[in-house]
Protein backbone atom coordinates (compact mmCIF):
# COMPACT_ATOMS: atom_id res chain seq x y z
CA UNK A 1 91.31 89.78 77.04
CA UNK A 2 94.12 92.28 77.51
CA UNK A 3 94.72 93.93 80.83
CA UNK A 4 95.17 97.66 81.18
CA UNK A 5 98.64 98.50 82.49
CA UNK A 6 98.80 99.94 85.99
CA UNK A 7 98.93 103.75 86.04
CA UNK A 8 102.31 105.28 86.77
CA UNK A 9 102.25 106.80 90.26
CA UNK A 10 105.86 107.95 90.51
CA UNK A 11 108.66 108.89 88.15
CA UNK A 12 112.16 110.33 88.05
CA UNK A 13 112.12 114.12 88.30
CA UNK A 14 114.05 114.70 85.06
CA UNK A 15 111.71 112.41 83.11
CA UNK A 16 108.62 114.02 84.61
CA UNK A 17 109.91 117.50 83.68
CA UNK A 18 110.55 116.27 80.13
CA UNK A 19 107.13 114.66 79.76
CA UNK A 20 105.41 117.77 81.20
CA UNK A 21 107.41 119.89 78.71
CA UNK A 22 109.39 122.02 81.14
CA UNK A 23 112.49 121.39 79.02
CA UNK A 24 113.27 120.44 75.43
CA UNK A 25 115.59 117.54 76.22
CA UNK A 26 116.25 115.18 79.09
CA UNK A 27 119.71 116.69 79.63
CA UNK A 28 118.20 120.17 80.05
CA UNK A 29 115.64 118.77 82.50
CA UNK A 30 118.41 116.97 84.39
CA UNK A 31 120.33 120.25 84.70
CA UNK A 32 117.24 121.99 86.06
CA UNK A 33 116.71 119.17 88.55
CA UNK A 34 120.32 118.81 89.67
CA UNK A 35 120.99 122.55 89.78
CA UNK A 36 119.06 122.96 93.02
CA UNK A 37 116.37 125.01 91.28
CA UNK A 38 113.53 122.57 92.06
CA UNK A 39 111.85 121.76 95.35
CA UNK A 40 109.63 118.76 95.99
CA UNK A 41 107.30 119.34 98.93
CA UNK A 42 109.53 122.22 100.14
CA UNK A 43 112.69 120.05 100.05
CA UNK A 44 115.46 121.21 97.72
CA UNK A 45 116.42 118.59 95.16
CA UNK A 46 119.94 118.21 93.80
CA UNK A 47 119.57 114.85 92.08
CA UNK A 48 117.85 114.28 88.73
CA UNK A 49 116.79 110.79 89.87
CA UNK A 50 114.65 112.11 92.76
CA UNK A 51 111.20 110.52 92.67
CA UNK A 52 108.10 112.60 91.95
CA UNK A 53 104.78 111.15 93.13
CA UNK A 54 101.24 112.07 92.18
CA UNK A 55 100.11 114.74 94.64
CA UNK A 56 103.58 116.25 95.20
CA UNK A 57 103.99 120.02 95.15
CA UNK A 58 106.88 121.24 92.96
CA UNK A 59 108.44 124.68 93.05
CA UNK A 60 110.20 125.52 89.76
CA UNK A 61 111.76 128.61 88.24
CA UNK A 62 109.27 130.37 85.96
CA UNK A 63 110.19 130.80 82.29
CA UNK A 64 111.22 134.41 82.95
CA UNK A 65 113.73 133.13 85.58
CA UNK A 66 112.71 136.01 87.90
CA UNK A 67 109.83 134.32 89.70
CA UNK A 68 108.84 130.80 90.67
CA UNK A 69 105.95 128.52 89.72
CA UNK A 70 104.22 126.28 92.23
CA UNK A 71 102.55 123.26 90.69
CA UNK A 72 100.85 120.09 91.89
CA UNK A 73 101.67 116.81 90.14
CA UNK A 74 98.42 115.28 88.87
CA UNK A 75 99.84 112.44 86.80
CA UNK A 76 102.84 110.80 85.19
CA UNK A 77 103.30 109.78 81.56
CA UNK A 78 105.22 107.00 79.88
CA UNK A 79 106.46 109.27 77.10
CA UNK A 80 106.55 112.86 75.92
CA UNK A 81 103.32 113.90 74.21
CA UNK A 82 101.70 117.02 72.77
CA UNK A 83 101.56 120.22 74.82
CA UNK A 84 97.81 119.99 75.59
CA UNK A 85 98.28 116.46 76.95
CA UNK A 86 101.40 117.47 78.87
CA UNK A 87 99.43 120.20 80.65
CA UNK A 88 97.17 117.50 82.08
CA UNK A 89 100.12 116.19 84.15
CA UNK A 90 100.07 119.19 86.50
CA UNK A 91 97.98 122.02 87.81
CA UNK A 92 99.30 125.43 88.80
CA UNK A 93 98.72 126.26 92.45
CA UNK A 94 97.37 129.80 92.69
CA UNK A 95 99.17 132.33 94.86
CA UNK A 96 97.47 133.23 98.10
CA UNK A 97 97.64 136.77 99.34
């Protein structure tokens, strides 16, 4: 009988961004992460190897680069997959007014 592998509970920020499809390549995701554009739980990140855990809140620049997105990490993946599966790795936190 084969055992199911343990679920991934944390991952490098650049890999998580790649697997969640916030960038087309790992180098682009590393630039986003190391450029100081990302916050993990309100703490600015300047290293691509920062660890992201399930339940963390990430603040990222939106695709228009004029606003920000706030997302909650729901899961981690072993590899990059299709866009519908990648969207299952996070949920967008709605703005409160």
